[in-house]
PDB file of all heavy atoms in Angstrom:
ATOM      1  N   LEU A   1      69.368 -44.444  26.655  1.00  0.00           N
ATOM      2  CA  LEU A   1      68.146 -43.788  26.179  1.00  0.00           C
ATOM      3  C   LEU A   1      68.482 -42.597  25.288  1.00  0.00           C
ATOM      4  O   LEU A   1      69.478 -41.904  25.519  1.00  0.00           O
ATOM      5  CB  LEU A   1      67.297 -43.323  27.367  1.00  0.00           C
ATOM      6  CG  LEU A   1      66.629 -44.429  28.162  1.00  0.00           C
ATOM      7  CD1 LEU A   1      65.971 -43.852  29.410  1.00  0.00           C
ATOM      8  CD2 LEU A   1      65.608 -45.165  27.320  1.00  0.00           C
ATOM      9  N   PRO A   2      67.648 -42.343  24.287  1.00  0.00           N
ATOM     10  CA  PRO A   2      67.907 -41.177  23.426  1.00  0.00           C
ATOM     11  C   PRO A   2      67.761 -39.883  24.211  1.00  0.00           C
ATOM     12  O   PRO A   2      66.861 -39.746  25.046  1.00  0.00           O
ATOM     13  CB  PRO A   2      66.844 -41.292  22.327  1.00  0.00           C
ATOM     14  CG  PRO A   2      65.790 -42.174  22.892  1.00  0.00           C
ATOM     15  CD  PRO A   2      66.446 -43.071  23.887  1.00  0.00           C
ATOM     16  N   PHE A   3      68.647 -38.933  23.932  1.00  0.00           N
ATOM     17  CA  PHE A   3      68.612 -37.638  24.614  1.00  0.00           C
ATOM     18  C   PHE A   3      67.366 -36.853  24.219  1.00  0.00           C
ATOM     19  O   PHE A   3      66.745 -36.206  25.048  1.00  0.00           O
ATOM     20  CB  PHE A   3      69.881 -36.848  24.289  1.00  0.00           C
ATOM     21  CG  PHE A   3      69.954 -35.516  24.970  1.00  0.00           C
ATOM     22  CD1 PHE A   3      70.055 -35.427  26.340  1.00  0.00           C
ATOM     23  CD2 PHE A   3      69.912 -34.343  24.238  1.00  0.00           C
ATOM     24  CE1 PHE A   3      70.120 -34.207  26.988  1.00  0.00           C
ATOM     25  CE2 PHE A   3      69.972 -33.111  24.855  1.00  0.00           C
ATOM     26  CZ  PHE A   3      70.075 -33.041  26.238  1.00  0.00           C
ATOM     27  N   GLN A   4      67.011 -36.895  22.949  1.00  0.00           N
ATOM     28  CA  GLN A   4      65.809 -36.243  22.441  1.00  0.00           C
ATOM     29  C   GLN A   4      65.014 -37.271  21.634  1.00  0.00           C
ATOM     30  O   GLN A   4      65.155 -37.357  20.413  1.00  0.00           O
ATOM     31  CB  GLN A   4      66.161 -35.032  21.583  1.00  0.00           C
ATOM     32  CG  GLN A   4      66.811 -33.928  22.381  1.00  0.00           C
ATOM     33  CD  GLN A   4      67.004 -32.680  21.552  1.00  0.00           C
ATOM     34  OE1 GLN A   4      67.127 -32.732  20.344  1.00  0.00           O
ATOM     35  NE2 GLN A   4      67.016 -31.551  22.225  1.00  0.00           N
ATOM     36  N   PRO A   5      64.176 -38.058  22.309  1.00  0.00           N
ATOM     37  CA  PRO A   5      63.448 -39.118  21.617  1.00  0.00           C
ATOM     38  C   PRO A   5      62.391 -38.573  20.661  1.00  0.00           C
ATOM     39  O   PRO A   5      61.735 -37.574  20.952  1.00  0.00           O
ATOM     40  CB  PRO A   5      62.795 -39.905  22.757  1.00  0.00           C
ATOM     41  CG  PRO A   5      62.679 -38.932  23.873  1.00  0.00           C
ATOM     42  CD  PRO A   5      63.852 -38.003  23.732  1.00  0.00           C
ATOM     43  N   VAL A   6      62.271 -39.214  19.511  1.00  0.00           N
ATOM     44  CA  VAL A   6      61.256 -38.828  18.523  1.00  0.00           C
ATOM     45  C   VAL A   6      60.460 -40.065  18.124  1.00  0.00           C
ATOM     46  O   VAL A   6      60.967 -41.188  18.156  1.00  0.00           O
ATOM     47  CB  VAL A   6      61.870 -38.159  17.274  1.00  0.00           C
ATOM     48  CG1 VAL A   6      62.450 -36.797  17.624  1.00  0.00           C
ATOM     49  CG2 VAL A   6      62.927 -39.030  16.638  1.00  0.00           C
ATOM     50  N   CYS A   7      59.198 -39.841  17.727  1.00  0.00           N
ATOM     51  CA  CYS A   7      58.348 -40.956  17.325  1.00  0.00           C
ATOM     52  C   CYS A   7      58.803 -41.545  15.997  1.00  0.00           C
ATOM     53  O   CYS A   7      58.649 -42.735  15.753  1.00  0.00           O
ATOM     54  CB  CYS A   7      56.886 -40.518  17.261  1.00  0.00           C
ATOM     55  SG  CYS A   7      56.569 -39.138  16.152  1.00  0.00           S
ATOM     56  N   ARG A   8      59.360 -40.724  15.142  1.00  0.00           N
ATOM     57  CA  ARG A   8      59.975 -41.162  13.885  1.00  0.00           C
ATOM     58  C   ARG A   8      60.965 -40.073  13.471  1.00  0.00           C
ATOM     59  O   ARG A   8      60.831 -38.908  13.870  1.00  0.00           O
ATOM     60  CB  ARG A   8      58.926 -41.421  12.808  1.00  0.00           C
ATOM     61  CG  ARG A   8      58.113 -40.206  12.418  1.00  0.00           C
ATOM     62  CD  ARG A   8      57.094 -40.568  11.343  1.00  0.00           C
ATOM     63  NE  ARG A   8      56.816 -39.415  10.538  1.00  0.00           N
ATOM     64  CZ  ARG A   8      55.638 -38.803  10.504  1.00  0.00           C
ATOM     65  NH1 ARG A   8      54.645 -39.240  11.230  1.00  0.00           N
ATOM     66  NH2 ARG A   8      55.468 -37.757   9.736  1.00  0.00           N
ATOM     67  N   GLU A   9      61.949 -40.454  12.682  1.00  0.00           N
ATOM     68  CA  GLU A   9      63.023 -39.519  12.323  1.00  0.00           C
ATOM     69  C   GLU A   9      62.523 -38.277  11.588  1.00  0.00           C
ATOM     70  O   GLU A   9      63.059 -37.193  11.757  1.00  0.00           O
ATOM     71  CB  GLU A   9      64.095 -40.222  11.488  1.00  0.00           C
ATOM     72  CG  GLU A   9      64.943 -41.183  12.274  1.00  0.00           C
ATOM     73  CD  GLU A   9      65.670 -40.542  13.438  1.00  0.00           C
ATOM     74  OE1 GLU A   9      66.233 -39.438  13.276  1.00  0.00           O
ATOM     75  OE2 GLU A   9      65.657 -41.138  14.526  1.00  0.00           O
ATOM     76  N   ASP A  10      61.488 -38.424  10.754  1.00  0.00           N
ATOM     77  CA  ASP A  10      60.995 -37.282   9.980  1.00  0.00           C
ATOM     78  C   ASP A  10      59.763 -36.631  10.614  1.00  0.00           C
ATOM     79  O   ASP A  10      58.979 -35.992   9.928  1.00  0.00           O
ATOM     80  CB  ASP A  10      60.696 -37.703   8.538  1.00  0.00           C
ATOM     81  CG  ASP A  10      59.582 -38.730   8.456  1.00  0.00           C
ATOM     82  OD1 ASP A  10      59.298 -39.378   9.484  1.00  0.00           O
ATOM     83  OD2 ASP A  10      59.002 -38.893   7.369  1.00  0.00           O
ATOM     84  N   CYS A  11      59.607 -36.761  11.922  1.00  0.00           N
ATOM     85  CA  CYS A  11      58.459 -36.165  12.621  1.00  0.00           C
ATOM     86  C   CYS A  11      58.482 -34.646  12.427  1.00  0.00           C
ATOM     87  O   CYS A  11      59.460 -33.987  12.778  1.00  0.00           O
ATOM     88  CB  CYS A  11      58.506 -36.496  14.103  1.00  0.00           C
ATOM     89  SG  CYS A  11      57.193 -35.698  15.049  1.00  0.00           S
ATOM     90  N   PRO A  12      57.405 -34.060  11.874  1.00  0.00           N
ATOM     91  CA  PRO A  12      57.388 -32.618  11.645  1.00  0.00           C
ATOM     92  C   PRO A  12      57.096 -31.808  12.902  1.00  0.00           C
ATOM     93  O   PRO A  12      57.313 -30.599  12.925  1.00  0.00           O
ATOM     94  CB  PRO A  12      56.288 -32.430  10.598  1.00  0.00           C
ATOM     95  CG  PRO A  12      55.377 -33.584  10.818  1.00  0.00           C
ATOM     96  CD  PRO A  12      56.242 -34.716  11.289  1.00  0.00           C
ATOM     97  N   GLY A  13      56.583 -32.433  13.937  1.00  0.00           N
ATOM     98  CA  GLY A  13      56.333 -31.742  15.193  1.00  0.00           C
ATOM     99  C   GLY A  13      55.013 -31.002  15.223  1.00  0.00           C
ATOM    100  O   GLY A  13      54.042 -31.399  14.583  1.00  0.00           O
ATOM    101  N   LEU A  14      54.991 -29.922  15.973  1.00  0.00           N
ATOM    102  CA  LEU A  14      53.804 -29.087  16.144  1.00  0.00           C
ATOM    103  C   LEU A  14      54.041 -27.718  15.530  1.00  0.00           C
ATOM    104  O   LEU A  14      55.167 -27.240  15.473  1.00  0.00           O
ATOM    105  CB  LEU A  14      53.478 -28.919  17.636  1.00  0.00           C
ATOM    106  CG  LEU A  14      53.234 -30.191  18.441  1.00  0.00           C
ATOM    107  CD1 LEU A  14      53.082 -29.851  19.917  1.00  0.00           C
ATOM    108  CD2 LEU A  14      52.026 -30.933  17.932  1.00  0.00           C
ATOM    109  N   CYS A  15      52.964 -27.074  15.087  1.00  0.00           N
ATOM    110  CA  CYS A  15      53.063 -25.707  14.566  1.00  0.00           C
ATOM    111  C   CYS A  15      53.478 -24.783  15.708  1.00  0.00           C
ATOM    112  O   CYS A  15      52.878 -24.802  16.781  1.00  0.00           O
ATOM    113  CB  CYS A  15      51.719 -25.262  13.981  1.00  0.00           C
ATOM    114  SG  CYS A  15      51.716 -23.525  13.464  1.00  0.00           S
ATOM    115  N   ALA A  16      54.486 -23.981  15.472  1.00  0.00           N
ATOM    116  CA  ALA A  16      54.984 -23.070  16.499  1.00  0.00           C
ATOM    117  C   ALA A  16      53.988 -21.952  16.809  1.00  0.00           C
ATOM    118  O   ALA A  16      54.026 -21.355  17.882  1.00  0.00           O
ATOM    119  CB  ALA A  16      56.314 -22.467  16.058  1.00  0.00           C
ATOM    120  N   GLN A  17      53.080 -21.664  15.879  1.00  0.00           N
ATOM    121  CA  GLN A  17      52.117 -20.584  16.077  1.00  0.00           C
ATOM    122  C   GLN A  17      50.864 -21.037  16.824  1.00  0.00           C
ATOM    123  O   GLN A  17      50.394 -20.352  17.706  1.00  0.00           O
ATOM    124  CB  GLN A  17      51.705 -19.982  14.729  1.00  0.00           C
ATOM    125  CG  GLN A  17      52.853 -19.406  13.947  1.00  0.00           C
ATOM    126  CD  GLN A  17      53.551 -18.293  14.710  1.00  0.00           C
ATOM    127  OE1 GLN A  17      52.905 -17.418  15.268  1.00  0.00           O
ATOM    128  NE2 GLN A  17      54.861 -18.334  14.745  1.00  0.00           N
ATOM    129  N   CYS A  18      50.316 -22.198  16.407  1.00  0.00           N
ATOM    130  CA  CYS A  18      49.016 -22.589  16.974  1.00  0.00           C
ATOM    131  C   CYS A  18      49.005 -23.967  17.611  1.00  0.00           C
ATOM    132  O   CYS A  18      48.012 -24.348  18.218  1.00  0.00           O
ATOM    133  CB  CYS A  18      47.932 -22.506  15.903  1.00  0.00           C
ATOM    134  SG  CYS A  18      48.177 -23.664  14.540  1.00  0.00           S
ATOM    135  N   GLY A  19      50.079 -24.753  17.483  1.00  0.00           N
ATOM    136  CA  GLY A  19      50.164 -26.056  18.118  1.00  0.00           C
ATOM    137  C   GLY A  19      49.514 -27.192  17.367  1.00  0.00           C
ATOM    138  O   GLY A  19      49.355 -28.279  17.905  1.00  0.00           O
ATOM    139  N   VAL A  20      49.144 -26.989  16.100  1.00  0.00           N
ATOM    140  CA  VAL A  20      48.543 -28.045  15.303  1.00  0.00           C
ATOM    141  C   VAL A  20      49.564 -29.153  15.065  1.00  0.00           C
ATOM    142  O   VAL A  20      50.736 -28.873  14.820  1.00  0.00           O
ATOM    143  CB  VAL A  20      48.027 -27.479  13.953  1.00  0.00           C
ATOM    144  CG1 VAL A  20      47.698 -28.584  12.968  1.00  0.00           C
ATOM    145  CG2 VAL A  20      46.818 -26.609  14.179  1.00  0.00           C
ATOM    146  N   HIS A  21      49.112 -30.388  15.137  1.00  0.00           N
ATOM    147  CA  HIS A  21      49.964 -31.561  14.888  1.00  0.00           C
ATOM    148  C   HIS A  21      50.243 -31.607  13.385  1.00  0.00           C
ATOM    149  O   HIS A  21      49.375 -31.923  12.589  1.00  0.00           O
ATOM    150  CB  HIS A  21      49.207 -32.808  15.356  1.00  0.00           C
ATOM    151  CG  HIS A  21      50.069 -33.986  15.550  1.00  0.00           C
ATOM    152  ND1 HIS A  21      50.368 -34.856  14.541  1.00  0.00           N
ATOM    153  CD2 HIS A  21      50.705 -34.448  16.653  1.00  0.00           C
ATOM    154  CE1 HIS A  21      51.137 -35.810  15.009  1.00  0.00           C
ATOM    155  NE2 HIS A  21      51.356 -35.591  16.288  1.00  0.00           N
ATOM    156  N   LEU A  22      51.452 -31.280  12.965  1.00  0.00           N
ATOM    157  CA  LEU A  22      51.787 -31.133  11.547  1.00  0.00           C
ATOM    158  C   LEU A  22      51.753 -32.449  10.769  1.00  0.00           C
ATOM    159  O   LEU A  22      51.537 -32.427   9.557  1.00  0.00           O
ATOM    160  CB  LEU A  22      53.149 -30.459  11.387  1.00  0.00           C
ATOM    161  CG  LEU A  22      53.206 -29.004  11.879  1.00  0.00           C
ATOM    162  CD1 LEU A  22      54.621 -28.468  11.784  1.00  0.00           C
ATOM    163  CD2 LEU A  22      52.241 -28.133  11.115  1.00  0.00           C
ATOM    164  N   ALA A  23      51.902 -33.574  11.412  1.00  0.00           N
ATOM    165  CA  ALA A  23      51.815 -34.854  10.705  1.00  0.00           C
ATOM    166  C   ALA A  23      50.380 -35.099  10.228  1.00  0.00           C
ATOM    167  O   ALA A  23      50.163 -35.711   9.190  1.00  0.00           O
ATOM    168  CB  ALA A  23      52.265 -35.993  11.603  1.00  0.00           C
ATOM    169  N   ASP A  24      49.405 -34.601  10.983  1.00  0.00           N
ATOM    170  CA  ASP A  24      47.994 -34.753  10.605  1.00  0.00           C
ATOM    171  C   ASP A  24      47.554 -33.722   9.581  1.00  0.00           C
ATOM    172  O   ASP A  24      46.563 -33.907   8.886  1.00  0.00           O
ATOM    173  CB  ASP A  24      47.095 -34.626  11.842  1.00  0.00           C
ATOM    174  CG  ASP A  24      47.352 -35.729  12.851  1.00  0.00           C
ATOM    175  OD1 ASP A  24      47.889 -36.782  12.448  1.00  0.00           O
ATOM    176  OD2 ASP A  24      47.023 -35.538  14.027  1.00  0.00           O
ATOM    177  N   ASN A  25      48.261 -32.613   9.486  1.00  0.00           N
ATOM    178  CA  ASN A  25      47.887 -31.510   8.595  1.00  0.00           C
ATOM    179  C   ASN A  25      49.150 -30.989   7.903  1.00  0.00           C
ATOM    180  O   ASN A  25      49.652 -29.911   8.241  1.00  0.00           O
ATOM    181  CB  ASN A  25      47.198 -30.411   9.415  1.00  0.00           C
ATOM    182  CG  ASN A  25      46.552 -29.365   8.558  1.00  0.00           C
ATOM    183  OD1 ASN A  25      46.679 -29.373   7.337  1.00  0.00           O
ATOM    184  ND2 ASN A  25      45.870 -28.437   9.203  1.00  0.00           N
ATOM    185  N   PRO A  26      49.696 -31.728   6.920  1.00  0.00           N
ATOM    186  CA  PRO A  26      50.986 -31.354   6.322  1.00  0.00           C
ATOM    187  C   PRO A  26      50.980 -30.026   5.567  1.00  0.00           C
ATOM    188  O   PRO A  26      52.015 -29.399   5.425  1.00  0.00           O
ATOM    189  CB  PRO A  26      51.300 -32.518   5.372  1.00  0.00           C
ATOM    190  CG  PRO A  26      50.043 -33.263   5.196  1.00  0.00           C
ATOM    191  CD  PRO A  26      49.149 -32.955   6.350  1.00  0.00           C
ATOM    192  N   GLY A  27      49.846 -29.565   5.085  1.00  0.00           N
ATOM    193  CA  GLY A  27      49.806 -28.302   4.342  1.00  0.00           C
ATOM    194  C   GLY A  27      49.560 -27.094   5.225  1.00  0.00           C
ATOM    195  O   GLY A  27      49.408 -25.972   4.739  1.00  0.00           O
ATOM    196  N   HIS A  28      49.558 -27.284   6.522  1.00  0.00           N
ATOM    197  CA  HIS A  28      49.248 -26.196   7.461  1.00  0.00           C
ATOM    198  C   HIS A  28      50.326 -25.104   7.408  1.00  0.00           C
ATOM    199  O   HIS A  28      51.516 -25.385   7.420  1.00  0.00           O
ATOM    200  CB  HIS A  28      49.175 -26.774   8.881  1.00  0.00           C
ATOM    201  CG  HIS A  28      48.907 -25.757   9.926  1.00  0.00           C
ATOM    202  ND1 HIS A  28      47.662 -25.247  10.145  1.00  0.00           N
ATOM    203  CD2 HIS A  28      49.731 -25.144  10.806  1.00  0.00           C
ATOM    204  CE1 HIS A  28      47.728 -24.370  11.134  1.00  0.00           C
ATOM    205  NE2 HIS A  28      48.985 -24.295  11.546  1.00  0.00           N
ATOM    206  N   GLU A  29      49.866 -23.850   7.315  1.00  0.00           N
ATOM    207  CA  GLU A  29      50.807 -22.726   7.344  1.00  0.00           C
ATOM    208  C   GLU A  29      50.078 -21.463   7.787  1.00  0.00           C
ATOM    209  O   GLU A  29      48.852 -21.393   7.791  1.00  0.00           O
ATOM    210  CB  GLU A  29      51.456 -22.510   5.975  1.00  0.00           C
ATOM    211  CG  GLU A  29      50.494 -22.127   4.874  1.00  0.00           C
ATOM    212  CD  GLU A  29      51.211 -21.915   3.556  1.00  0.00           C
ATOM    213  OE1 GLU A  29      51.995 -22.787   3.148  1.00  0.00           O
ATOM    214  OE2 GLU A  29      50.978 -20.863   2.959  1.00  0.00           O
ATOM    215  N   HIS A  30      50.826 -20.482   8.163  1.00  0.00           N
ATOM    216  CA  HIS A  30      50.314 -19.171   8.557  1.00  0.00           C
ATOM    217  C   HIS A  30      50.991 -18.115   7.691  1.00  0.00           C
ATOM    218  O   HIS A  30      52.186 -18.222   7.406  1.00  0.00           O
ATOM    219  CB  HIS A  30      50.640 -18.874  10.031  1.00  0.00           C
ATOM    220  CG  HIS A  30      49.954 -19.771  10.996  1.00  0.00           C
ATOM    221  ND1 HIS A  30      48.702 -19.526  11.468  1.00  0.00           N
ATOM    222  CD2 HIS A  30      50.347 -20.940  11.570  1.00  0.00           C
ATOM    223  CE1 HIS A  30      48.362 -20.485  12.303  1.00  0.00           C
ATOM    224  NE2 HIS A  30      49.347 -21.366  12.382  1.00  0.00           N
ATOM    225  N   ASN A  31      50.244 -17.103   7.269  1.00  0.00           N
ATOM    226  CA  ASN A  31      50.829 -15.980   6.539  1.00  0.00           C
ATOM    227  C   ASN A  31      51.179 -14.911   7.554  1.00  0.00           C
ATOM    228  O   ASN A  31      50.372 -14.038   7.867  1.00  0.00           O
ATOM    229  CB  ASN A  31      49.847 -15.430   5.493  1.00  0.00           C
ATOM    230  CG  ASN A  31      49.635 -16.409   4.366  1.00  0.00           C
ATOM    231  OD1 ASN A  31      50.541 -17.156   4.032  1.00  0.00           O
ATOM    232  ND2 ASN A  31      48.444 -16.412   3.796  1.00  0.00           N
ATOM    233  N   LEU A  32      52.355 -15.017   8.066  1.00  0.00           N
ATOM    234  CA  LEU A  32      52.803 -14.075   9.093  1.00  0.00           C
ATOM    235  C   LEU A  32      53.685 -13.006   8.474  1.00  0.00           C
ATOM    236  O   LEU A  32      54.490 -13.273   7.581  1.00  0.00           O
ATOM    237  CB  LEU A  32      53.594 -14.804  10.170  1.00  0.00           C
ATOM    238  CG  LEU A  32      52.804 -15.830  10.980  1.00  0.00           C
ATOM    239  CD1 LEU A  32      53.738 -16.513  11.960  1.00  0.00           C
ATOM    240  CD2 LEU A  32      51.672 -15.159  11.726  1.00  0.00           C
ATOM    241  N   ILE A  33      53.515 -11.826   8.965  1.00  0.00           N
ATOM    242  CA  ILE A  33      54.337 -10.701   8.521  1.00  0.00           C
ATOM    243  C   ILE A  33      55.269 -10.339   9.665  1.00  0.00           C
ATOM    244  O   ILE A  33      54.846 -10.244  10.817  1.00  0.00           O
ATOM    245  CB  ILE A  33      53.449  -9.492   8.149  1.00  0.00           C
ATOM    246  CG1 ILE A  33      52.549  -9.890   6.982  1.00  0.00           C
ATOM    247  CG2 ILE A  33      54.289  -8.278   7.827  1.00  0.00           C
ATOM    248  CD1 ILE A  33      51.518  -8.851   6.622  1.00  0.00           C
ATOM    249  N   ASP A  34      56.508 -10.162   9.314  1.00  0.00           N
ATOM    250  CA  ASP A  34      57.501  -9.776  10.305  1.00  0.00           C
ATOM    251  C   ASP A  34      57.020  -8.489  10.969  1.00  0.00           C
ATOM    252  O   ASP A  34      56.681  -7.512  10.291  1.00  0.00           O
ATOM    253  CB  ASP A  34      58.842  -9.560   9.600  1.00  0.00           C
ATOM    254  CG  ASP A  34      59.989  -9.334  10.563  1.00  0.00           C
ATOM    255  OD1 ASP A  34      59.757  -8.789  11.652  1.00  0.00           O
ATOM    256  OD2 ASP A  34      61.122  -9.702  10.217  1.00  0.00           O
ATOM    257  N   PRO A  35      56.985  -8.437  12.297  1.00  0.00           N
ATOM    258  CA  PRO A  35      56.485  -7.237  12.997  1.00  0.00           C
ATOM    259  C   PRO A  35      57.239  -5.958  12.616  1.00  0.00           C
ATOM    260  O   PRO A  35      56.675  -4.866  12.671  1.00  0.00           O
ATOM    261  CB  PRO A  35      56.678  -7.547  14.472  1.00  0.00           C
ATOM    262  CG  PRO A  35      57.149  -8.936  14.590  1.00  0.00           C
ATOM    263  CD  PRO A  35      57.389  -9.468  13.231  1.00  0.00           C
ATOM    264  N   ARG A  36      58.459  -6.089  12.162  1.00  0.00           N
ATOM    265  CA  ARG A  36      59.222  -4.893  11.769  1.00  0.00           C
ATOM    266  C   ARG A  36      58.664  -4.287  10.490  1.00  0.00           C
ATOM    267  O   ARG A  36      58.862  -3.107  10.213  1.00  0.00           O
ATOM    268  CB  ARG A  36      60.694  -5.259  11.584  1.00  0.00           C
ATOM    269  CG  ARG A  36      61.351  -5.726  12.880  1.00  0.00           C
ATOM    270  CD  ARG A  36      62.714  -6.260  12.642  1.00  0.00           C
ATOM    271  NE  ARG A  36      62.598  -7.535  11.913  1.00  0.00           N
ATOM    272  CZ  ARG A  36      63.609  -8.314  11.619  1.00  0.00           C
ATOM    273  NH1 ARG A  36      64.829  -7.965  11.962  1.00  0.00           N
ATOM    274  NH2 ARG A  36      63.432  -9.435  10.969  1.00  0.00           N
ATOM    275  N   TRP A  37      57.959  -5.109   9.676  1.00  0.00           N
ATOM    276  CA  TRP A  37      57.403  -4.633   8.412  1.00  0.00           C
ATOM    277  C   TRP A  37      55.905  -4.345   8.513  1.00  0.00           C
ATOM    278  O   TRP A  37      55.290  -3.896   7.544  1.00  0.00           O
ATOM    279  CB  TRP A  37      57.627  -5.667   7.308  1.00  0.00           C
ATOM    280  CG  TRP A  37      59.089  -5.877   7.013  1.00  0.00           C
ATOM    281  CD1 TRP A  37      59.862  -6.881   7.456  1.00  0.00           C
ATOM    282  CD2 TRP A  37      59.928  -5.039   6.233  1.00  0.00           C
ATOM    283  NE1 TRP A  37      61.152  -6.749   6.996  1.00  0.00           N
ATOM    284  CE2 TRP A  37      61.215  -5.607   6.233  1.00  0.00           C
ATOM    285  CE3 TRP A  37      59.739  -3.843   5.527  1.00  0.00           C
ATOM    286  CZ2 TRP A  37      62.291  -5.050   5.560  1.00  0.00           C
ATOM    287  CZ3 TRP A  37      60.822  -3.295   4.847  1.00  0.00           C
ATOM    288  CH2 TRP A  37      62.071  -3.888   4.876  1.00  0.00           C
ATOM    289  N   SER A  38      55.308  -4.599   9.653  1.00  0.00           N
ATOM    290  CA  SER A  38      53.856  -4.451   9.778  1.00  0.00           C
ATOM    291  C   SER A  38      53.383  -3.009   9.542  1.00  0.00           C
ATOM    292  O   SER A  38      52.294  -2.785   9.038  1.00  0.00           O
ATOM    293  CB  SER A  38      53.387  -4.945  11.140  1.00  0.00           C
ATOM    294  OG  SER A  38      53.941  -4.173  12.166  1.00  0.00           O
ATOM    295  N   VAL A  39      54.202  -2.031   9.863  1.00  0.00           N
ATOM    296  CA  VAL A  39      53.834  -0.634   9.626  1.00  0.00           C
ATOM    297  C   VAL A  39      53.679  -0.380   8.128  1.00  0.00           C
ATOM    298  O   VAL A  39      52.744   0.301   7.694  1.00  0.00           O
ATOM    299  CB  VAL A  39      54.891   0.321  10.240  1.00  0.00           C
ATOM    300  CG1 VAL A  39      54.621   1.759   9.869  1.00  0.00           C
ATOM    301  CG2 VAL A  39      54.945   0.156  11.743  1.00  0.00           C
ATOM    302  N   LEU A  40      54.564  -0.958   7.316  1.00  0.00           N
ATOM    303  CA  LEU A  40      54.455  -0.797   5.866  1.00  0.00           C
ATOM    304  C   LEU A  40      53.183  -1.457   5.345  1.00  0.00           C
ATOM    305  O   LEU A  40      52.544  -0.945   4.420  1.00  0.00           O
ATOM    306  CB  LEU A  40      55.677  -1.375   5.165  1.00  0.00           C
ATOM    307  CG  LEU A  40      57.008  -0.648   5.446  1.00  0.00           C
ATOM    308  CD1 LEU A  40      58.148  -1.369   4.775  1.00  0.00           C
ATOM    309  CD2 LEU A  40      56.928   0.792   4.979  1.00  0.00           C
ATOM    310  N   THR A  41      52.814  -2.583   5.914  1.00  0.00           N
ATOM    311  CA  THR A  41      51.582  -3.257   5.514  1.00  0.00           C
ATOM    312  C   THR A  41      50.382  -2.359   5.792  1.00  0.00           C
ATOM    313  O   THR A  41      49.463  -2.252   4.975  1.00  0.00           O
ATOM    314  CB  THR A  41      51.422  -4.598   6.272  1.00  0.00           C
ATOM    315  OG1 THR A  41      52.581  -5.376   6.055  1.00  0.00           O
ATOM    316  CG2 THR A  41      50.200  -5.347   5.812  1.00  0.00           C
ATOM    317  N   ASP A  42      50.412  -1.687   6.927  1.00  0.00           N
ATOM    318  CA  ASP A  42      49.332  -0.753   7.264  1.00  0.00           C
ATOM    319  C   ASP A  42      49.280   0.393   6.262  1.00  0.00           C
ATOM    320  O   ASP A  42      48.204   0.827   5.854  1.00  0.00           O
ATOM    321  CB  ASP A  42      49.515  -0.190   8.682  1.00  0.00           C
ATOM    322  CG  ASP A  42      49.306  -1.253   9.754  1.00  0.00           C
ATOM    323  OD1 ASP A  42      48.703  -2.311   9.435  1.00  0.00           O
ATOM    324  OD2 ASP A  42      49.759  -1.033  10.894  1.00  0.00           O
ATOM    325  N   LEU A  43      50.451   0.893   5.843  1.00  0.00           N
ATOM    326  CA  LEU A  43      50.483   1.974   4.858  1.00  0.00           C
ATOM    327  C   LEU A  43      49.925   1.517   3.514  1.00  0.00           C
ATOM    328  O   LEU A  43      49.192   2.239   2.846  1.00  0.00           O
ATOM    329  CB  LEU A  43      51.917   2.494   4.667  1.00  0.00           C
ATOM    330  CG  LEU A  43      52.492   3.320   5.814  1.00  0.00           C
ATOM    331  CD1 LEU A  43      53.958   3.638   5.552  1.00  0.00           C
ATOM    332  CD2 LEU A  43      51.698   4.598   5.988  1.00  0.00           C
ATOM    333  N   ILE A  44      50.282   0.311   3.097  1.00  0.00           N
ATOM    334  CA  ILE A  44      49.775  -0.217   1.824  1.00  0.00           C
ATOM    335  C   ILE A  44      48.271  -0.368   1.874  1.00  0.00           C
ATOM    336  O   ILE A  44      47.563   0.018   0.944  1.00  0.00           O
ATOM    337  CB  ILE A  44      50.457  -1.561   1.494  1.00  0.00           C
ATOM    338  CG1 ILE A  44      51.933  -1.334   1.177  1.00  0.00           C
ATOM    339  CG2 ILE A  44      49.761  -2.268   0.347  1.00  0.00           C
ATOM    340  CD1 ILE A  44      52.732  -2.612   1.042  1.00  0.00           C
TER     341      ILE A  44
END
């Protein structure tokens, strides 16, 4: 048996942020700012 079975070799998986099935929504993305830079964003 495969150690890490996948439905297909190029399966994109789930969004790490919200859990959306990426195969159903290939353009899905989040505009996340690194928490270390968030203070600068507040200043801007």
